[in-house]
Amino acid sequence: MSETIETPAMTPSMLHILLAIAGGALHGYGIMHEVAERTRGTTELGAGTLYRSIKKMLEAGLIEEDATGEANTLGPSRREYRITQRGREIAALEVQQLSGIVEWARSARLVDPREAV
């Protein structure tokens, strides 16, 4: 009998992390930097939020850890995180759902359709 892995409720931070590593594995600082850069500084993940989210996503099978990076003079290698196929599917569903919400906001004239969202 196979065990079902429950998917945690997707938080904005979790979606940002999944999007940040969709193009390739990154370590924690790299994820924080990518999110800040992609959001033009409007979203900055603190270390606590980042690593709590990573723990939940590891447990749910949305991401996986890769500790094969090179060791450096500061200590052991950094852990890098990569998105799994399950993570891609969950992120795609979340983006699709958010896209529908944006379209609804446009039709309700809450968002100017000429503005990029």
Protein backbone atom coordinates (compact mmCIF):
# COMPACT_ATOMS: atom_id res chain seq x y z
CA MET A 1 0.00 0.00 0.00
CA SER A 2 1.52 3.33 -1.03
CA GLU A 3 1.65 6.23 1.37
CA THR A 4 0.00 9.46 0.26
CA ILE A 5 2.12 12.55 0.82
CA GLU A 6 -0.01 15.49 1.82
CA THR A 7 0.69 18.75 0.04
CA PRO A 8 0.88 21.70 2.42
CA ALA A 9 -1.21 24.79 1.69
CA MET A 10 0.78 26.81 -0.83
CA THR A 11 1.98 30.07 0.68
CA PRO A 12 3.28 32.95 -1.42
CA SER A 13 6.77 32.25 -0.05
CA MET A 14 6.60 28.63 -1.13
CA LEU A 15 5.51 29.59 -4.64
CA HIS A 16 8.33 32.14 -4.87
CA ILE A 17 10.82 29.45 -3.83
CA LEU A 18 9.50 26.97 -6.39
CA LEU A 19 9.68 29.59 -9.13
CA ALA A 20 13.20 30.58 -8.08
CA ILE A 21 14.51 27.02 -8.42
CA ALA A 22 12.47 26.09 -11.49
CA GLY A 23 15.47 26.94 -13.68
CA GLY A 24 18.00 24.99 -11.64
CA ALA A 25 19.21 24.15 -8.16
CA LEU A 26 20.10 26.98 -5.79
CA HIS A 27 21.31 27.22 -2.21
CA GLY A 28 19.37 29.20 0.39
CA TYR A 29 21.11 32.54 -0.20
CA GLY A 30 20.73 32.08 -3.96
CA ILE A 31 16.99 31.52 -3.53
CA MET A 32 16.66 34.64 -1.37
CA HIS A 33 18.58 36.68 -3.95
CA GLU A 34 16.59 35.30 -6.91
CA VAL A 35 13.24 36.07 -5.25
CA ALA A 36 14.30 39.61 -4.35
CA GLU A 37 15.64 40.20 -7.87
CA ARG A 38 12.60 38.74 -9.69
CA THR A 39 10.18 40.76 -7.54
CA ARG A 40 12.26 43.93 -7.87
CA GLY A 41 12.74 43.94 -4.11
CA THR A 42 9.04 43.83 -3.23
CA THR A 43 9.43 40.36 -1.70
CA GLU A 44 12.37 39.51 0.50
CA LEU A 45 12.43 36.14 2.20
CA GLY A 46 13.93 36.07 5.65
CA ALA A 47 16.02 33.06 6.65
CA GLY A 48 13.34 31.78 9.05
CA THR A 49 10.59 31.92 6.44
CA LEU A 50 12.85 30.40 3.79
CA TYR A 51 13.98 27.40 5.83
CA ARG A 52 10.55 26.71 7.37
CA SER A 53 9.12 26.67 3.84
CA ILE A 54 11.96 24.48 2.57
CA LYS A 55 11.36 21.98 5.38
CA LYS A 56 7.64 21.73 4.51
CA MET A 57 8.37 21.40 0.79
CA LEU A 58 11.01 18.69 1.37
CA GLU A 59 8.52 16.73 3.48
CA ALA A 60 5.84 17.08 0.78
CA GLY A 61 8.18 16.03 -2.03
CA LEU A 62 7.95 19.38 -3.83
CA ILE A 63 11.70 19.90 -3.72
CA GLU A 64 14.76 17.77 -3.07
CA GLU A 65 18.10 18.49 -1.49
CA ASP A 66 21.44 18.16 -3.23
CA ALA A 67 24.47 18.45 -0.96
CA THR A 68 27.02 17.63 -3.65
CA GLY A 69 28.37 21.16 -3.93
CA GLU A 70 32.05 21.78 -3.26
CA ALA A 71 33.31 22.26 0.28
CA ASN A 72 34.94 25.60 0.94
CA THR A 73 37.16 27.19 3.59
CA LEU A 74 34.06 28.21 5.57
CA GLY A 75 32.99 24.62 6.10
CA PRO A 76 31.05 21.86 4.41
CA SER A 77 29.35 22.20 1.07
CA ARG A 78 26.17 24.23 0.81
CA ARG A 79 22.92 22.41 0.35
CA GLU A 80 21.21 23.18 -2.90
CA TYR A 81 17.54 22.65 -3.53
CA ARG A 82 15.91 21.60 -6.78
CA ILE A 83 12.28 21.36 -7.78
CA THR A 84 10.80 17.89 -8.28
CA GLN A 85 8.29 16.90 -10.96
CA ARG A 86 5.61 16.97 -8.26
CA GLY A 87 6.76 20.48 -7.32
CA ARG A 88 6.51 21.61 -10.95
CA GLU A 89 2.98 20.23 -11.22
CA ILE A 90 1.83 21.85 -7.97
CA ALA A 91 3.44 25.20 -8.91
CA ALA A 92 1.84 25.10 -12.37
CA LEU A 93 -1.59 24.50 -10.81
CA GLU A 94 -1.05 27.38 -8.39
CA VAL A 95 0.02 29.74 -11.19
CA GLN A 96 -3.00 28.70 -13.26
CA GLN A 97 -5.29 29.39 -10.33
CA LEU A 98 -3.69 32.79 -9.69
CA SER A 99 -3.99 33.64 -13.38
CA GLY A 100 -7.72 32.97 -13.16
CA ILE A 101 -7.97 35.28 -10.16
CA VAL A 102 -6.15 38.03 -12.06
CA GLU A 103 -8.52 37.64 -15.02
CA TRP A 104 -11.47 37.85 -12.64
CA ALA A 105 -10.01 41.04 -11.11
CA ARG A 106 -9.62 42.52 -14.59
CA SER A 107 -13.22 41.70 -15.49
CA ALA A 108 -14.36 43.29 -12.24
CA ARG A 109 -12.31 46.36 -13.25
CA LEU A 110 -10.13 46.09 -10.16
CA VAL A 111 -7.04 45.83 -12.32
CA ASP A 112 -6.38 48.03 -15.34
CA PRO A 113 -6.06 45.54 -18.25
CA ARG A 114 -3.29 47.69 -19.72
CA GLU A 115 -1.09 47.11 -16.66
CA ALA A 116 1.16 44.08 -16.56
CA VAL A 117 0.54 41.94 -13.50
